[in-house]
Amino acid sequence: MTPSRSPYSGLMTTIPFSGGMGVSAKSHTSNRMMWWTPAVSAFFLNCSIKPSSEISNTQALMDKLAGAMQTIEPIDVEMIHVNDYDVKYGVANDMGAGDQWPQILEKISSCNIFIMGMPIWMGVRSSVAQLVIERLDGSTKYLSPGLAVCRILAARMI
């Protein structure tokens, strides 16, 4: 069996399937066998220092990227703003009481494509992005080995 190619660098695979499993995926029939292509999910993490209630260039860029991805092939997209969560400083997957990083880590480990959006000033990423990178460093053993990780930088739009 040859895996199908996708615009997402081979993240989608084609798997023989006899039906009846109730999976949420695209399916099509070829000869006598049904094939299903797993749904691709993208998780966007907004690392802007602005509150999510304010308009940000980072969110605008993330929205454009998600829209462009949707024109290639329908995918499940979820976006969250790190500042809406109580993420503690540290390099472990769980820093104890009140730490909401495990909720974000679960979303990262269950997606196919992980994209961090962040503002940059004078070539430096935001402090929120640095916090996420440090937490990811301590959590890498909990992530899927096939996860495609991307980073987008949102420069000041003039």
Protein backbone atom coordinates (compact mmCIF):
# COMPACT_ATOMS: atom_id res chain seq x y z
CA MET A 1 0.00 0.00 0.00
CA THR A 2 1.30 3.44 -0.91
CA PRO A 3 0.57 6.35 1.46
CA SER A 4 -1.28 9.26 -0.08
CA ARG A 5 0.60 12.53 -0.49
CA SER A 6 -0.75 15.71 0.97
CA PRO A 7 0.21 19.36 1.02
CA TYR A 8 1.17 18.83 4.67
CA SER A 9 4.47 17.02 3.91
CA GLY A 10 3.05 13.51 4.05
CA LEU A 11 1.22 13.88 7.35
CA MET A 12 -1.89 12.25 5.92
CA THR A 13 -1.82 8.54 5.28
CA THR A 14 -4.26 6.21 3.58
CA ILE A 15 -5.24 3.16 5.59
CA PRO A 16 -7.38 0.20 4.47
CA PHE A 17 -10.61 0.13 6.39
CA SER A 18 -13.59 -2.19 6.27
CA GLY A 19 -16.04 0.37 7.67
CA GLY A 20 -18.31 0.41 10.70
CA MET A 21 -15.82 1.86 13.19
CA GLY A 22 -17.47 5.27 13.38
CA VAL A 23 -14.29 7.20 12.69
CA SER A 24 -14.39 10.90 11.92
CA ALA A 25 -12.50 10.99 8.67
CA LYS A 26 -12.93 11.33 4.93
CA SER A 27 -13.63 8.06 3.20
CA HIS A 28 -13.89 6.83 -0.35
CA THR A 29 -14.39 3.46 -2.01
CA SER A 30 -11.78 1.99 -4.32
CA ASN A 31 -12.57 -1.39 -5.96
CA ARG A 32 -13.84 -3.65 -3.17
CA MET A 33 -12.13 -1.97 -0.24
CA MET A 34 -12.99 1.24 1.58
CA TRP A 35 -10.09 3.58 2.34
CA TRP A 36 -10.16 6.31 4.91
CA THR A 37 -7.90 9.27 5.27
CA PRO A 38 -7.58 10.50 8.86
CA ALA A 39 -8.75 14.05 9.45
CA VAL A 40 -5.84 16.46 9.86
CA SER A 41 -5.93 18.79 12.83
CA ALA A 42 -3.93 21.97 13.29
CA PHE A 43 -3.44 23.61 16.67
CA PHE A 44 -2.45 27.28 16.74
CA LEU A 45 -1.01 28.73 19.93
CA ASN A 46 -1.12 32.53 20.07
CA CYS A 47 1.86 33.77 22.10
CA SER A 48 1.04 37.48 21.84
CA ILE A 49 1.48 39.51 25.02
CA LYS A 50 -1.77 41.35 24.29
CA PRO A 51 -4.94 40.05 25.96
CA SER A 52 -7.10 37.94 23.67
CA SER A 53 -9.78 40.65 23.83
CA GLU A 54 -7.49 43.06 21.91
CA ILE A 55 -6.79 42.99 18.18
CA SER A 56 -3.31 41.67 17.46
CA ASN A 57 -1.19 41.27 14.33
CA THR A 58 -0.25 37.80 15.53
CA GLN A 59 -3.90 36.69 15.53
CA ALA A 60 -4.44 38.29 12.11
CA LEU A 61 -1.49 36.34 10.68
CA MET A 62 -2.68 33.11 12.29
CA ASP A 63 -6.16 33.65 10.82
CA LYS A 64 -4.65 34.16 7.34
CA LEU A 65 -2.55 31.01 7.63
CA ALA A 66 -5.50 28.92 8.84
CA GLY A 67 -7.60 30.26 5.95
CA ALA A 68 -4.88 29.40 3.44
CA MET A 69 -4.58 25.90 4.87
CA GLN A 70 -8.36 25.44 4.56
CA THR A 71 -8.24 26.30 0.84
CA ILE A 72 -5.85 23.40 0.23
CA GLU A 73 -7.85 20.82 2.15
CA PRO A 74 -10.43 21.02 4.95
CA ILE A 75 -8.73 20.53 8.32
CA ASP A 76 -9.79 20.87 11.93
CA VAL A 77 -8.33 24.10 13.33
CA GLU A 78 -8.20 25.13 16.97
CA MET A 79 -6.66 28.38 18.19
CA ILE A 80 -6.02 29.41 21.76
CA HIS A 81 -4.32 32.37 23.38
CA VAL A 82 -1.71 31.45 26.00
CA ASN A 83 -2.60 34.49 28.12
CA ASP A 84 -6.09 33.02 28.65
CA TYR A 85 -4.46 30.23 30.67
CA ASP A 86 -2.46 30.21 33.90
CA VAL A 87 0.83 28.75 32.67
CA LYS A 88 3.49 28.53 35.37
CA TYR A 89 7.21 29.00 34.74
CA GLY A 90 9.32 25.86 34.63
CA VAL A 91 10.58 23.03 32.46
CA ALA A 92 8.24 20.21 33.48
CA ASN A 93 4.98 19.04 31.98
CA ASP A 94 3.10 19.90 35.19
CA MET A 95 4.30 22.53 37.68
CA GLY A 96 1.68 21.76 40.32
CA ALA A 97 -1.45 23.41 41.68
CA GLY A 98 -3.10 25.88 39.31
CA ASP A 99 -0.83 25.15 36.36
CA GLN A 100 -2.91 24.92 33.18
CA TRP A 101 -0.04 23.88 30.90
CA PRO A 102 -1.17 20.21 30.98
CA GLN A 103 -4.42 21.28 29.24
CA ILE A 104 -2.44 22.99 26.47
CA LEU A 105 0.03 20.10 26.25
CA GLU A 106 -2.86 17.68 25.70
CA LYS A 107 -4.03 19.77 22.73
CA ILE A 108 -0.50 19.90 21.32
CA SER A 109 0.02 16.16 21.62
CA SER A 110 -3.34 15.31 20.01
CA CYS A 111 -2.91 17.46 16.87
CA ASN A 112 -1.11 16.72 13.61
CA ILE A 113 0.25 20.23 13.05
CA PHE A 114 1.33 22.57 15.85
CA ILE A 115 1.90 26.23 15.05
CA MET A 116 3.13 28.89 17.46
CA GLY A 117 2.30 32.45 16.51
CA MET A 118 4.30 35.19 18.21
CA PRO A 119 5.20 38.83 17.83
CA ILE A 120 8.82 39.82 17.37
CA TRP A 121 10.52 43.06 18.33
CA MET A 122 14.05 43.77 17.16
CA GLY A 123 14.49 40.09 16.29
CA VAL A 124 13.40 38.80 19.70
CA ARG A 125 10.36 36.59 20.37
CA SER A 126 7.82 37.53 23.03
CA SER A 127 8.23 36.51 26.66
CA VAL A 128 5.06 34.40 26.35
CA ALA A 129 6.63 32.48 23.45
CA GLN A 130 9.79 31.96 25.51
CA LEU A 131 7.67 30.57 28.36
CA VAL A 132 5.99 28.12 25.96
CA ILE A 133 9.33 27.03 24.50
CA GLU A 134 10.69 26.36 27.99
CA ARG A 135 7.60 24.35 28.91
CA LEU A 136 7.80 22.40 25.65
CA ASP A 137 11.44 21.61 26.39
CA GLY A 138 10.39 19.84 29.57
CA SER A 139 7.43 18.14 27.88
CA THR A 140 8.95 16.69 24.70
CA LYS A 141 8.71 13.09 25.88
CA TYR A 142 4.90 13.50 26.02
CA LEU A 143 4.54 14.70 22.41
CA SER A 144 3.73 12.53 19.37
CA PRO A 145 6.84 11.59 17.38
CA GLY A 146 5.11 12.45 14.07
CA LEU A 147 4.02 15.95 15.14
CA ALA A 148 4.88 18.66 12.63
CA VAL A 149 5.95 21.74 14.56
CA CYS A 150 5.95 25.13 12.88
CA ARG A 151 6.66 28.59 14.21
CA ILE A 152 5.30 31.75 12.65
CA LEU A 153 6.56 35.17 13.54
CA ALA A 154 4.28 38.13 13.29
CA ALA A 155 6.19 41.30 12.58
CA ARG A 156 4.63 44.69 13.06
CA MET A 157 2.31 45.36 10.13
CA ILE A 158 2.56 48.88 8.81
